[in-house]
Structures are given as C-alpha cells and as structure tokens.
Amino acid sequence: MSNSSSITQFLLLPFADTRELQLLHFWLFLGIYLAALLGNGLIITAIACDHRLHTPMYFFLLNLSVIDLGSISTTVPKAMANSLWDTRAISYAGCAAQLIFFLLFLSAESFLLTVMAYDRYVAICQPLHYGTLLGSRACVHMAAAACGSAFLTTLVHTVSTFSLPLCQGNVLDHFFCEIPQILTLSCSDSYLREVGLIVISAFLVFGCFVFIVLSYVQIFRAVLRIPSELGRHKAFSTCLPHLAVVSLFFSMGIFSYLKPPSISSPSLNLVVSVLYSLVPPAVNPIVYSMRNKEIKDAMKKLFYQ
C-alpha cells in the first residue's frame, strides 16, 4: 500500500493477455486515429483555405475539429504505444497531463456542441435575425466562453482529484487516466467532494444535452413546414446523423462518470470510453461533411487546384 506522494507511475488496463490480440488492438486504434486525423485535418484545411466557408457555422465546425483532434490525441497514442511495446506503465505526471487535457477537450466539446445547436436553430428557425444574433464578434465570444468554461471545469476537477490521498495501489482499470478510476484508489472520505463535483458537472452537461435536443426539435418542426419533399429529406438526412452522434457522445460520457461502482468493470469501462472518446472524433468529419456540398466543393478545390 502506498500514498499519493510515493506513487511515481500508474498501471493502465491491458487490452489483452496475448501478444496477437495486443497487436490487433494496436492496428485497430491506429486505423481509428488515422481516420480522425485525416478527416478533421481535411475539414480544418478546407475551412481555413476557402473564404466562402468563413461563416459562423463553419467557424464552429473548425473549432470542433480542432477539439476532436486534441481529444483523441490525448489518449490513443499512449494506448497504441502500450499495446505495441507490451507495457502498462504511465508516469504520474503523464497521467495527470492526460487527465487534464482529456477533461479539457471533453468539456469544451460539450459546450461547443451546445453553441453549434444554437447556431443551427437560429439559422433555420430565425433566419432574419441570424446576422444580428451570430455576428463575427458574437461567434468569437461564444467560442471563447465554451473554452473558458471548459478550462474552469477542468481546473476545479483536477485540483480536487489530485489533492486526494491515494492508498489503494496504482492500478487503473482503464486504458487511459480518467477521474472515476483515480477515485477508486482514494482511501479518504474526501473523495465524496469530487463525486459531488462530478454530479454537478453531469447535471450541467445534461442541461447542455437537453438544450441541444430541444433545439433540434424546433429545427425538425421548421423542416416539416418545408413544402418540398426533397428539401425535407435533405434536412432530415443531415440533422439526424448530427443528433445521433451528439446523443452517443453525451449519453456515454454521462454514464461513464455517473455509473455506480457495482456495475463497473474493465470491459464495460473500455466499451463505454471508446464510444464517447474515440468514435465521435473519427465519425464527426463524416457526419458533418457527407451531406455538405460546400465542404465537398472546398475539398475538391484543395485536391485539384
């Protein structure tokens, strides 16, 4: 048994016991990571290079791609390295950095998705007020507010978590460092303070999700009034994948942090964390561009200019 002052490293969850399965996990994660890098990188480049895409919607989409790249780059490279080199170790400082950056990007994405839903609501339901409500300055302020809120959330949780005494060993039942797994190593009742903060944050994130769902309900109501059947189909085929990925991200993220210890297991932690930390960054570029003619045209311009 040890306390937190004597812990120099943590041991992460191994993906498999056999070398063949470890290498399989490495190649699987590499494929997901490269897909996320390529997709988000193309979106960032296309939006940055095409002046026609310098609008509020694409400004927020560019920010989302940057956040997705940061989020997946925080966890996946270390997991791939551990599988490739058959190790489980991560230093105390590395674990702290991973937790800080992942929580920062996770929070920023939650707030930014809320802002993006508001942007689409105003564009579709209040188009005459769009220029007033979402001017360039307002967009910058909203993006800054999302990042600032994420920073404050991360700061509070990080200080609270790493001030806890740890005396239950250094083995984490997860493939990256995350608050719920760190709390299982605590030997003090003061961990309940961090649990309370998690519950408060979860309610805040759930409020963001409810706002997004209500925004899309209003959007769908407006779409149903479109006289053209082709227009309705195009709008629904665009919005429904957005809502599906957003629902997956929020539901699995909230479940990961609020699930009771009685149902927690390494395999469940792995599945849930993959669904909300790896799938959205890899799928978002496809969801936000596959039905978007302007993004497609900008990408074609990049390749054929």
C-alpha atoms as a PDB file:
ATOM      1  CA  MET A   1       0.000   0.000   0.000  1.00  0.00           C
ATOM      2  CA  SER A   2       1.189   3.475  -0.770  1.00  0.00           C
ATOM      3  CA  ASN A   3       0.097   7.051  -0.529  1.00  0.00           C
ATOM      4  CA  SER A   4      -0.116   9.514  -3.405  1.00  0.00           C
ATOM      5  CA  SER A   5       3.213  11.120  -2.539  1.00  0.00           C
ATOM      6  CA  SER A   6       5.058   7.836  -3.182  1.00  0.00           C
ATOM      7  CA  ILE A   7       3.295   6.936  -6.445  1.00  0.00           C
ATOM      8  CA  THR A   8       5.578   7.595  -9.397  1.00  0.00           C
ATOM      9  CA  GLN A   9       3.543   5.788 -12.043  1.00  0.00           C
ATOM     10  CA  PHE A  10       0.186   4.171 -12.705  1.00  0.00           C
ATOM     11  CA  LEU A  11      -0.550   0.875 -14.435  1.00  0.00           C
ATOM     12  CA  LEU A  12      -3.191   1.093 -17.155  1.00  0.00           C
ATOM     13  CA  LEU A  13      -5.591  -1.622 -18.267  1.00  0.00           C
ATOM     14  CA  PRO A  14      -4.005  -4.070 -20.753  1.00  0.00           C
ATOM     15  CA  PHE A  15      -6.164  -4.698 -23.813  1.00  0.00           C
ATOM     16  CA  ALA A  16      -5.397  -8.402 -23.983  1.00  0.00           C
ATOM     17  CA  ASP A  17      -3.275 -11.160 -22.471  1.00  0.00           C
ATOM     18  CA  THR A  18      -1.891 -12.482 -25.746  1.00  0.00           C
ATOM     19  CA  ARG A  19       0.579 -10.706 -27.989  1.00  0.00           C
ATOM     20  CA  GLU A  20      -1.549 -11.264 -31.087  1.00  0.00           C
ATOM     21  CA  LEU A  21      -4.591  -9.518 -29.576  1.00  0.00           C
ATOM     22  CA  GLN A  22      -2.412  -6.658 -28.329  1.00  0.00           C
ATOM     23  CA  LEU A  23      -1.169  -6.065 -31.866  1.00  0.00           C
ATOM     24  CA  LEU A  24      -4.748  -6.315 -33.150  1.00  0.00           C
ATOM     25  CA  HIS A  25      -5.775  -3.565 -30.732  1.00  0.00           C
ATOM     26  CA  PHE A  26      -2.795  -1.503 -31.877  1.00  0.00           C
ATOM     27  CA  TRP A  27      -3.790  -1.704 -35.554  1.00  0.00           C
ATOM     28  CA  LEU A  28      -7.462  -1.061 -34.729  1.00  0.00           C
ATOM     29  CA  PHE A  29      -6.638   2.051 -32.711  1.00  0.00           C
ATOM     30  CA  LEU A  30      -4.165   3.170 -35.373  1.00  0.00           C
ATOM     31  CA  GLY A  31      -6.894   2.949 -38.018  1.00  0.00           C
ATOM     32  CA  ILE A  32      -9.321   4.978 -35.896  1.00  0.00           C
ATOM     33  CA  TYR A  33      -6.639   7.541 -35.087  1.00  0.00           C
ATOM     34  CA  LEU A  34      -5.566   7.984 -38.704  1.00  0.00           C
ATOM     35  CA  ALA A  35      -9.200   8.326 -39.789  1.00  0.00           C
ATOM     36  CA  ALA A  36      -9.736  11.058 -37.187  1.00  0.00           C
ATOM     37  CA  LEU A  37      -6.514  12.846 -38.163  1.00  0.00           C
ATOM     38  CA  LEU A  38      -7.326  12.733 -41.868  1.00  0.00           C
ATOM     39  CA  GLY A  39     -10.991  13.690 -41.560  1.00  0.00           C
ATOM     40  CA  ASN A  40     -10.564  16.521 -39.091  1.00  0.00           C
ATOM     41  CA  GLY A  41      -7.395  17.728 -40.783  1.00  0.00           C
ATOM     42  CA  LEU A  42      -9.187  17.991 -44.131  1.00  0.00           C
ATOM     43  CA  ILE A  43     -12.063  19.925 -42.581  1.00  0.00           C
ATOM     44  CA  ILE A  44      -9.703  22.356 -40.838  1.00  0.00           C
ATOM     45  CA  THR A  45      -7.689  22.899 -44.018  1.00  0.00           C
ATOM     46  CA  ALA A  46     -10.752  23.284 -46.247  1.00  0.00           C
ATOM     47  CA  ILE A  47     -12.420  25.826 -43.949  1.00  0.00           C
ATOM     48  CA  ALA A  48      -9.200  27.784 -43.362  1.00  0.00           C
ATOM     49  CA  CYS A  49      -8.323  27.983 -47.060  1.00  0.00           C
ATOM     50  CA  ASP A  50     -11.747  28.672 -48.590  1.00  0.00           C
ATOM     51  CA  HIS A  51     -13.042  32.182 -47.841  1.00  0.00           C
ATOM     52  CA  ARG A  52     -16.582  31.071 -48.768  1.00  0.00           C
ATOM     53  CA  LEU A  53     -16.592  28.937 -45.635  1.00  0.00           C
ATOM     54  CA  HIS A  54     -15.710  31.811 -43.319  1.00  0.00           C
ATOM     55  CA  THR A  55     -19.186  31.836 -41.786  1.00  0.00           C
ATOM     56  CA  PRO A  56     -20.381  31.149 -38.219  1.00  0.00           C
ATOM     57  CA  MET A  57     -21.394  27.540 -38.910  1.00  0.00           C
ATOM     58  CA  TYR A  58     -18.007  26.619 -40.350  1.00  0.00           C
ATOM     59  CA  PHE A  59     -16.150  28.638 -37.726  1.00  0.00           C
ATOM     60  CA  PHE A  60     -17.717  26.433 -35.054  1.00  0.00           C
ATOM     61  CA  LEU A  61     -17.105  23.301 -37.137  1.00  0.00           C
ATOM     62  CA  LEU A  62     -13.419  24.218 -37.423  1.00  0.00           C
ATOM     63  CA  ASN A  63     -13.239  24.599 -33.638  1.00  0.00           C
ATOM     64  CA  LEU A  64     -14.953  21.234 -33.197  1.00  0.00           C
ATOM     65  CA  SER A  65     -12.399  19.557 -35.473  1.00  0.00           C
ATOM     66  CA  VAL A  66      -9.518  21.091 -33.507  1.00  0.00           C
ATOM     67  CA  ILE A  67     -11.047  19.858 -30.238  1.00  0.00           C
ATOM     68  CA  ASP A  68     -11.629  16.375 -31.667  1.00  0.00           C
ATOM     69  CA  LEU A  69      -8.008  16.177 -32.788  1.00  0.00           C
ATOM     70  CA  GLY A  70      -6.826  17.235 -29.344  1.00  0.00           C
ATOM     71  CA  SER A  71      -9.160  14.824 -27.569  1.00  0.00           C
ATOM     72  CA  ILE A  72      -8.210  11.703 -29.491  1.00  0.00           C
ATOM     73  CA  SER A  73      -4.505  12.634 -29.496  1.00  0.00           C
ATOM     74  CA  THR A  74      -4.554  12.777 -25.691  1.00  0.00           C
ATOM     75  CA  THR A  75      -5.489   9.134 -25.185  1.00  0.00           C
ATOM     76  CA  VAL A  76      -4.923   6.992 -28.279  1.00  0.00           C
ATOM     77  CA  PRO A  77      -1.150   7.394 -28.919  1.00  0.00           C
ATOM     78  CA  LYS A  78      -0.282   6.240 -25.397  1.00  0.00           C
ATOM     79  CA  ALA A  79      -2.712   3.314 -25.662  1.00  0.00           C
ATOM     80  CA  MET A  80      -1.154   2.307 -29.005  1.00  0.00           C
ATOM     81  CA  ALA A  81       2.375   2.579 -27.582  1.00  0.00           C
ATOM     82  CA  ASN A  82       1.441   0.391 -24.604  1.00  0.00           C
ATOM     83  CA  SER A  83      -0.045  -2.269 -26.887  1.00  0.00           C
ATOM     84  CA  LEU A  84       2.905  -2.154 -29.284  1.00  0.00           C
ATOM     85  CA  TRP A  85       5.599  -2.319 -26.596  1.00  0.00           C
ATOM     86  CA  ASP A  86       3.636  -4.625 -24.259  1.00  0.00           C
ATOM     87  CA  THR A  87       3.663  -2.270 -21.287  1.00  0.00           C
ATOM     88  CA  ARG A  88       1.079  -0.780 -18.951  1.00  0.00           C
ATOM     89  CA  ALA A  89       3.001   1.994 -17.252  1.00  0.00           C
ATOM     90  CA  ILE A  90       2.271   5.722 -17.400  1.00  0.00           C
ATOM     91  CA  SER A  91       4.123   8.207 -15.200  1.00  0.00           C
ATOM     92  CA  TYR A  92       2.321  10.188 -12.516  1.00  0.00           C
ATOM     93  CA  ALA A  93       2.944  13.425 -14.438  1.00  0.00           C
ATOM     94  CA  GLY A  94       1.862  11.776 -17.693  1.00  0.00           C
ATOM     95  CA  CYS A  95      -1.336  10.537 -16.078  1.00  0.00           C
ATOM     96  CA  ALA A  96      -2.079  13.998 -14.685  1.00  0.00           C
ATOM     97  CA  ALA A  97      -1.449  15.616 -18.079  1.00  0.00           C
ATOM     98  CA  GLN A  98      -3.652  13.045 -19.819  1.00  0.00           C
ATOM     99  CA  LEU A  99      -6.487  13.604 -17.361  1.00  0.00           C
ATOM    100  CA  ILE A 100      -6.221  17.402 -17.605  1.00  0.00           C
ATOM    101  CA  PHE A 101      -6.168  17.616 -21.401  1.00  0.00           C
ATOM    102  CA  PHE A 102      -8.823  14.955 -21.946  1.00  0.00           C
ATOM    103  CA  LEU A 103     -11.201  16.603 -19.472  1.00  0.00           C
ATOM    104  CA  LEU A 104     -10.476  19.999 -21.044  1.00  0.00           C
ATOM    105  CA  PHE A 105     -11.290  18.792 -24.569  1.00  0.00           C
ATOM    106  CA  LEU A 106     -14.271  16.753 -23.338  1.00  0.00           C
ATOM    107  CA  SER A 107     -15.792  19.775 -21.584  1.00  0.00           C
ATOM    108  CA  ALA A 108     -15.021  22.114 -24.472  1.00  0.00           C
ATOM    109  CA  GLU A 109     -16.740  19.773 -26.928  1.00  0.00           C
ATOM    110  CA  SER A 110     -19.846  19.569 -24.736  1.00  0.00           C
ATOM    111  CA  PHE A 111     -20.177  23.355 -24.601  1.00  0.00           C
ATOM    112  CA  LEU A 112     -19.270  23.843 -28.273  1.00  0.00           C
ATOM    113  CA  LEU A 113     -21.869  21.326 -29.452  1.00  0.00           C
ATOM    114  CA  THR A 114     -24.431  23.337 -27.500  1.00  0.00           C
ATOM    115  CA  VAL A 115     -23.346  26.529 -29.267  1.00  0.00           C
ATOM    116  CA  MET A 116     -23.487  24.758 -32.637  1.00  0.00           C
ATOM    117  CA  ALA A 117     -27.051  23.604 -31.967  1.00  0.00           C
ATOM    118  CA  TYR A 118     -27.993  27.198 -31.147  1.00  0.00           C
ATOM    119  CA  ASP A 119     -26.362  28.342 -34.392  1.00  0.00           C
ATOM    120  CA  ARG A 120     -28.434  25.889 -36.441  1.00  0.00           C
ATOM    121  CA  TYR A 121     -31.607  26.794 -34.535  1.00  0.00           C
ATOM    122  CA  VAL A 122     -31.193  30.495 -35.290  1.00  0.00           C
ATOM    123  CA  ALA A 123     -30.236  29.827 -38.931  1.00  0.00           C
ATOM    124  CA  ILE A 124     -33.304  27.670 -39.603  1.00  0.00           C
ATOM    125  CA  CYS A 125     -35.946  28.983 -37.193  1.00  0.00           C
ATOM    126  CA  GLN A 126     -34.994  32.676 -37.038  1.00  0.00           C
ATOM    127  CA  PRO A 127     -33.135  33.365 -40.303  1.00  0.00           C
ATOM    128  CA  LEU A 128     -33.982  37.083 -40.334  1.00  0.00           C
ATOM    129  CA  HIS A 129     -32.155  37.550 -37.016  1.00  0.00           C
ATOM    130  CA  TYR A 130     -29.168  35.358 -37.886  1.00  0.00           C
ATOM    131  CA  GLY A 131     -26.827  38.202 -38.825  1.00  0.00           C
ATOM    132  CA  THR A 132     -27.701  40.077 -35.642  1.00  0.00           C
ATOM    133  CA  LEU A 133     -27.511  37.181 -33.179  1.00  0.00           C
ATOM    134  CA  LEU A 134     -24.491  35.464 -34.712  1.00  0.00           C
ATOM    135  CA  GLY A 135     -22.165  38.135 -35.992  1.00  0.00           C
ATOM    136  CA  SER A 136     -18.430  37.525 -36.080  1.00  0.00           C
ATOM    137  CA  ARG A 137     -17.881  39.078 -32.654  1.00  0.00           C
ATOM    138  CA  ALA A 138     -20.708  37.062 -31.092  1.00  0.00           C
ATOM    139  CA  CYS A 139     -19.252  33.841 -32.546  1.00  0.00           C
ATOM    140  CA  VAL A 140     -15.822  34.554 -31.110  1.00  0.00           C
ATOM    141  CA  HIS A 141     -17.354  35.384 -27.730  1.00  0.00           C
ATOM    142  CA  MET A 142     -19.377  32.141 -27.671  1.00  0.00           C
ATOM    143  CA  ALA A 143     -16.375  30.028 -28.661  1.00  0.00           C
ATOM    144  CA  ALA A 144     -14.273  31.780 -26.021  1.00  0.00           C
ATOM    145  CA  ALA A 145     -16.994  31.213 -23.418  1.00  0.00           C
ATOM    146  CA  ALA A 146     -17.085  27.495 -24.262  1.00  0.00           C
ATOM    147  CA  CYS A 147     -13.303  27.210 -23.912  1.00  0.00           C
ATOM    148  CA  GLY A 148     -13.234  29.342 -20.743  1.00  0.00           C
ATOM    149  CA  SER A 149     -15.975  27.252 -19.113  1.00  0.00           C
ATOM    150  CA  ALA A 150     -14.106  24.083 -20.047  1.00  0.00           C
ATOM    151  CA  PHE A 151     -10.892  25.453 -18.534  1.00  0.00           C
ATOM    152  CA  LEU A 152     -12.603  26.336 -15.231  1.00  0.00           C
ATOM    153  CA  THR A 153     -14.321  22.933 -15.088  1.00  0.00           C
ATOM    154  CA  THR A 154     -11.014  21.168 -15.717  1.00  0.00           C
ATOM    155  CA  LEU A 155      -9.167  23.251 -13.142  1.00  0.00           C
ATOM    156  CA  VAL A 156     -11.698  22.531 -10.380  1.00  0.00           C
ATOM    157  CA  HIS A 157     -11.823  18.781 -11.051  1.00  0.00           C
ATOM    158  CA  THR A 158      -8.071  18.403 -11.441  1.00  0.00           C
ATOM    159  CA  VAL A 159      -7.237  20.194  -8.190  1.00  0.00           C
ATOM    160  CA  SER A 160      -9.930  18.245  -6.344  1.00  0.00           C
ATOM    161  CA  THR A 161      -8.857  14.861  -7.738  1.00  0.00           C
ATOM    162  CA  PHE A 162      -5.096  15.135  -7.291  1.00  0.00           C
ATOM    163  CA  SER A 163      -5.411  16.562  -3.790  1.00  0.00           C
ATOM    164  CA  LEU A 164      -6.866  13.236  -2.649  1.00  0.00           C
ATOM    165  CA  PRO A 165      -4.638  10.774  -0.781  1.00  0.00           C
ATOM    166  CA  LEU A 166      -4.217   7.575  -2.802  1.00  0.00           C
ATOM    167  CA  CYS A 167      -3.516   4.375  -0.907  1.00  0.00           C
ATOM    168  CA  GLN A 168      -5.274   1.642  -2.895  1.00  0.00           C
ATOM    169  CA  GLY A 169      -2.322   0.872  -5.137  1.00  0.00           C
ATOM    170  CA  ASN A 170      -1.647   2.324  -8.582  1.00  0.00           C
ATOM    171  CA  VAL A 171      -3.614   0.030 -10.922  1.00  0.00           C
ATOM    172  CA  LEU A 172      -6.276   1.722 -13.071  1.00  0.00           C
ATOM    173  CA  ASP A 173      -8.994  -0.403 -14.715  1.00  0.00           C
ATOM    174  CA  HIS A 174      -8.932   1.779 -17.813  1.00  0.00           C
ATOM    175  CA  PHE A 175      -6.767   2.322 -20.883  1.00  0.00           C
ATOM    176  CA  PHE A 176      -6.224   5.999 -20.024  1.00  0.00           C
ATOM    177  CA  CYS A 177      -6.284   8.162 -16.901  1.00  0.00           C
ATOM    178  CA  GLU A 178      -9.758   9.370 -16.003  1.00  0.00           C
ATOM    179  CA  ILE A 179     -11.281  10.762 -12.807  1.00  0.00           C
ATOM    180  CA  PRO A 180     -13.629   7.852 -11.866  1.00  0.00           C
ATOM    181  CA  GLN A 181     -10.729   5.374 -11.973  1.00  0.00           C
ATOM    182  CA  ILE A 182      -8.441   7.674  -9.944  1.00  0.00           C
ATOM    183  CA  LEU A 183     -11.171   7.966  -7.284  1.00  0.00           C
ATOM    184  CA  THR A 184     -11.197   4.199  -6.782  1.00  0.00           C
ATOM    185  CA  LEU A 185      -7.635   4.478  -5.462  1.00  0.00           C
ATOM    186  CA  SER A 186      -8.551   7.004  -2.780  1.00  0.00           C
ATOM    187  CA  CYS A 187      -8.540   5.969   0.857  1.00  0.00           C
ATOM    188  CA  SER A 188     -10.213   9.086   2.270  1.00  0.00           C
ATOM    189  CA  ASP A 189     -13.833  10.137   2.600  1.00  0.00           C
ATOM    190  CA  SER A 190     -12.806  13.415   1.000  1.00  0.00           C
ATOM    191  CA  TYR A 191     -13.280  11.705  -2.383  1.00  0.00           C
ATOM    192  CA  LEU A 192     -17.000  12.373  -1.851  1.00  0.00           C
ATOM    193  CA  ARG A 193     -16.233  16.047  -2.540  1.00  0.00           C
ATOM    194  CA  GLU A 194     -15.059  15.149  -6.050  1.00  0.00           C
ATOM    195  CA  VAL A 195     -18.051  12.846  -6.501  1.00  0.00           C
ATOM    196  CA  GLY A 196     -20.297  15.793  -5.682  1.00  0.00           C
ATOM    197  CA  LEU A 197     -18.475  17.944  -8.231  1.00  0.00           C
ATOM    198  CA  ILE A 198     -18.888  15.210 -10.838  1.00  0.00           C
ATOM    199  CA  VAL A 199     -22.624  15.050 -10.174  1.00  0.00           C
ATOM    200  CA  ILE A 200     -22.931  18.837 -10.510  1.00  0.00           C
ATOM    201  CA  SER A 201     -20.923  18.791 -13.747  1.00  0.00           C
ATOM    202  CA  ALA A 202     -23.003  15.899 -15.065  1.00  0.00           C
ATOM    203  CA  PHE A 203     -26.194  17.884 -14.485  1.00  0.00           C
ATOM    204  CA  LEU A 204     -24.635  20.836 -16.310  1.00  0.00           C
ATOM    205  CA  VAL A 205     -23.663  18.611 -19.251  1.00  0.00           C
ATOM    206  CA  PHE A 206     -27.119  17.018 -19.194  1.00  0.00           C
ATOM    207  CA  GLY A 207     -28.578  20.532 -19.379  1.00  0.00           C
ATOM    208  CA  CYS A 208     -26.470  21.135 -22.497  1.00  0.00           C
ATOM    209  CA  PHE A 209     -27.805  17.919 -23.994  1.00  0.00           C
ATOM    210  CA  VAL A 210     -31.413  18.879 -23.238  1.00  0.00           C
ATOM    211  CA  PHE A 211     -30.827  22.279 -24.866  1.00  0.00           C
ATOM    212  CA  ILE A 212     -29.426  20.552 -27.972  1.00  0.00           C
ATOM    213  CA  VAL A 213     -32.375  18.154 -28.190  1.00  0.00           C
ATOM    214  CA  LEU A 214     -34.901  20.993 -27.779  1.00  0.00           C
ATOM    215  CA  SER A 215     -33.084  22.997 -30.455  1.00  0.00           C
ATOM    216  CA  TYR A 216     -33.293  20.074 -32.863  1.00  0.00           C
ATOM    217  CA  VAL A 217     -36.985  19.579 -32.033  1.00  0.00           C
ATOM    218  CA  GLN A 218     -37.613  23.181 -33.098  1.00  0.00           C
ATOM    219  CA  ILE A 219     -35.470  22.610 -36.194  1.00  0.00           C
ATOM    220  CA  PHE A 220     -37.449  19.493 -37.134  1.00  0.00           C
ATOM    221  CA  ARG A 221     -40.714  21.386 -36.675  1.00  0.00           C
ATOM    222  CA  ALA A 222     -39.451  24.080 -39.033  1.00  0.00           C
ATOM    223  CA  VAL A 223     -38.254  21.455 -41.523  1.00  0.00           C
ATOM    224  CA  LEU A 224     -41.671  19.797 -41.592  1.00  0.00           C
ATOM    225  CA  ARG A 225     -43.106  23.065 -42.874  1.00  0.00           C
ATOM    226  CA  ILE A 226     -40.836  22.959 -45.923  1.00  0.00           C
ATOM    227  CA  PRO A 227     -43.134  22.386 -48.943  1.00  0.00           C
ATOM    228  CA  SER A 228     -40.545  20.447 -50.925  1.00  0.00           C
ATOM    229  CA  GLU A 229     -40.313  16.749 -50.063  1.00  0.00           C
ATOM    230  CA  LEU A 230     -36.734  16.719 -51.375  1.00  0.00           C
ATOM    231  CA  GLY A 231     -35.871  19.657 -49.087  1.00  0.00           C
ATOM    232  CA  ARG A 232     -37.341  17.879 -46.054  1.00  0.00           C
ATOM    233  CA  HIS A 233     -35.449  14.686 -46.866  1.00  0.00           C
ATOM    234  CA  LYS A 234     -32.175  16.565 -47.265  1.00  0.00           C
ATOM    235  CA  ALA A 235     -32.665  18.432 -43.978  1.00  0.00           C
ATOM    236  CA  PHE A 236     -33.554  15.276 -42.025  1.00  0.00           C
ATOM    237  CA  SER A 237     -30.714  13.250 -43.552  1.00  0.00           C
ATOM    238  CA  THR A 238     -28.330  15.991 -42.430  1.00  0.00           C
ATOM    239  CA  CYS A 239     -29.685  16.662 -38.941  1.00  0.00           C
ATOM    240  CA  LEU A 240     -30.450  13.120 -37.790  1.00  0.00           C
ATOM    241  CA  PRO A 241     -26.821  11.875 -38.034  1.00  0.00           C
ATOM    242  CA  HIS A 242     -25.713  15.002 -36.126  1.00  0.00           C
ATOM    243  CA  LEU A 243     -28.196  14.273 -33.364  1.00  0.00           C
ATOM    244  CA  ALA A 244     -27.259  10.569 -33.273  1.00  0.00           C
ATOM    245  CA  VAL A 245     -23.532  11.267 -32.754  1.00  0.00           C
ATOM    246  CA  VAL A 246     -24.266  14.002 -30.213  1.00  0.00           C
ATOM    247  CA  SER A 247     -26.587  11.657 -28.289  1.00  0.00           C
ATOM    248  CA  LEU A 248     -23.926   8.938 -28.260  1.00  0.00           C
ATOM    249  CA  PHE A 249     -21.287  11.379 -27.016  1.00  0.00           C
ATOM    250  CA  PHE A 250     -23.400  12.839 -24.191  1.00  0.00           C
ATOM    251  CA  SER A 251     -25.133   9.651 -23.044  1.00  0.00           C
ATOM    252  CA  MET A 252     -21.968   7.535 -22.889  1.00  0.00           C
ATOM    253  CA  GLY A 253     -19.953  10.371 -21.318  1.00  0.00           C
ATOM    254  CA  ILE A 254     -22.505  10.952 -18.559  1.00  0.00           C
ATOM    255  CA  PHE A 255     -22.888   7.211 -17.981  1.00  0.00           C
ATOM    256  CA  SER A 256     -19.112   6.777 -17.716  1.00  0.00           C
ATOM    257  CA  TYR A 257     -18.836   9.333 -14.934  1.00  0.00           C
ATOM    258  CA  LEU A 258     -22.047   8.512 -13.036  1.00  0.00           C
ATOM    259  CA  LYS A 259     -22.277   4.712 -13.297  1.00  0.00           C
ATOM    260  CA  PRO A 260     -22.314   3.056  -9.850  1.00  0.00           C
ATOM    261  CA  PRO A 261     -19.268   1.017  -8.805  1.00  0.00           C
ATOM    262  CA  SER A 262     -21.461  -2.090  -8.531  1.00  0.00           C
ATOM    263  CA  ILE A 263     -21.813  -2.328 -12.330  1.00  0.00           C
ATOM    264  CA  SER A 264     -18.339  -1.066 -13.175  1.00  0.00           C
ATOM    265  CA  SER A 265     -15.947  -3.477 -14.860  1.00  0.00           C
ATOM    266  CA  PRO A 266     -12.831  -3.144 -17.046  1.00  0.00           C
ATOM    267  CA  SER A 267     -14.662  -4.402 -20.142  1.00  0.00           C
ATOM    268  CA  LEU A 268     -17.594  -2.029 -19.603  1.00  0.00           C
ATOM    269  CA  ASN A 269     -15.205   0.888 -19.000  1.00  0.00           C
ATOM    270  CA  LEU A 270     -13.418   0.048 -22.253  1.00  0.00           C
ATOM    271  CA  VAL A 271     -16.580  -0.157 -24.368  1.00  0.00           C
ATOM    272  CA  VAL A 272     -18.162   2.991 -22.939  1.00  0.00           C
ATOM    273  CA  SER A 273     -14.980   5.055 -23.167  1.00  0.00           C
ATOM    274  CA  VAL A 274     -14.397   4.002 -26.788  1.00  0.00           C
ATOM    275  CA  LEU A 275     -17.961   5.015 -27.671  1.00  0.00           C
ATOM    276  CA  TYR A 276     -17.645   8.564 -26.352  1.00  0.00           C
ATOM    277  CA  SER A 277     -13.911   9.294 -26.657  1.00  0.00           C
ATOM    278  CA  LEU A 278     -12.887   7.591 -29.922  1.00  0.00           C
ATOM    279  CA  VAL A 279     -15.993   7.224 -32.075  1.00  0.00           C
ATOM    280  CA  PRO A 280     -17.138  10.894 -32.187  1.00  0.00           C
ATOM    281  CA  PRO A 281     -13.739  12.350 -33.251  1.00  0.00           C
ATOM    282  CA  ALA A 282     -13.498   9.750 -36.026  1.00  0.00           C
ATOM    283  CA  VAL A 283     -17.138   9.977 -37.139  1.00  0.00           C
ATOM    284  CA  ASN A 284     -17.784  13.736 -36.824  1.00  0.00           C
ATOM    285  CA  PRO A 285     -15.887  14.628 -40.043  1.00  0.00           C
ATOM    286  CA  ILE A 286     -18.031  12.148 -41.990  1.00  0.00           C
ATOM    287  CA  VAL A 287     -21.295  13.232 -40.362  1.00  0.00           C
ATOM    288  CA  TYR A 288     -20.662  16.947 -40.856  1.00  0.00           C
ATOM    289  CA  SER A 289     -19.344  16.711 -44.403  1.00  0.00           C
ATOM    290  CA  MET A 290     -21.024  13.796 -46.178  1.00  0.00           C
ATOM    291  CA  ARG A 291     -24.191  15.828 -46.894  1.00  0.00           C
ATOM    292  CA  ASN A 292     -22.477  19.204 -47.094  1.00  0.00           C
ATOM    293  CA  LYS A 293     -21.914  20.327 -50.676  1.00  0.00           C
ATOM    294  CA  GLU A 294     -19.871  23.378 -49.663  1.00  0.00           C
ATOM    295  CA  ILE A 295     -17.376  21.261 -47.690  1.00  0.00           C
ATOM    296  CA  LYS A 296     -17.136  18.772 -50.561  1.00  0.00           C
ATOM    297  CA  ASP A 297     -16.512  21.569 -53.067  1.00  0.00           C
ATOM    298  CA  ALA A 298     -13.834  23.105 -50.819  1.00  0.00           C
ATOM    299  CA  MET A 299     -12.082  19.738 -50.506  1.00  0.00           C
ATOM    300  CA  LYS A 300     -12.198  19.182 -54.281  1.00  0.00           C
ATOM    301  CA  LYS A 301     -10.700  22.627 -54.722  1.00  0.00           C
ATOM    302  CA  LEU A 302      -7.843  21.646 -52.373  1.00  0.00           C
ATOM    303  CA  PHE A 303      -7.043  18.484 -54.334  1.00  0.00           C
ATOM    304  CA  TYR A 304      -7.491  19.806 -57.883  1.00  0.00           C
ATOM    305  CA  GLN A 305      -6.178  23.353 -57.703  1.00  0.00           C
END
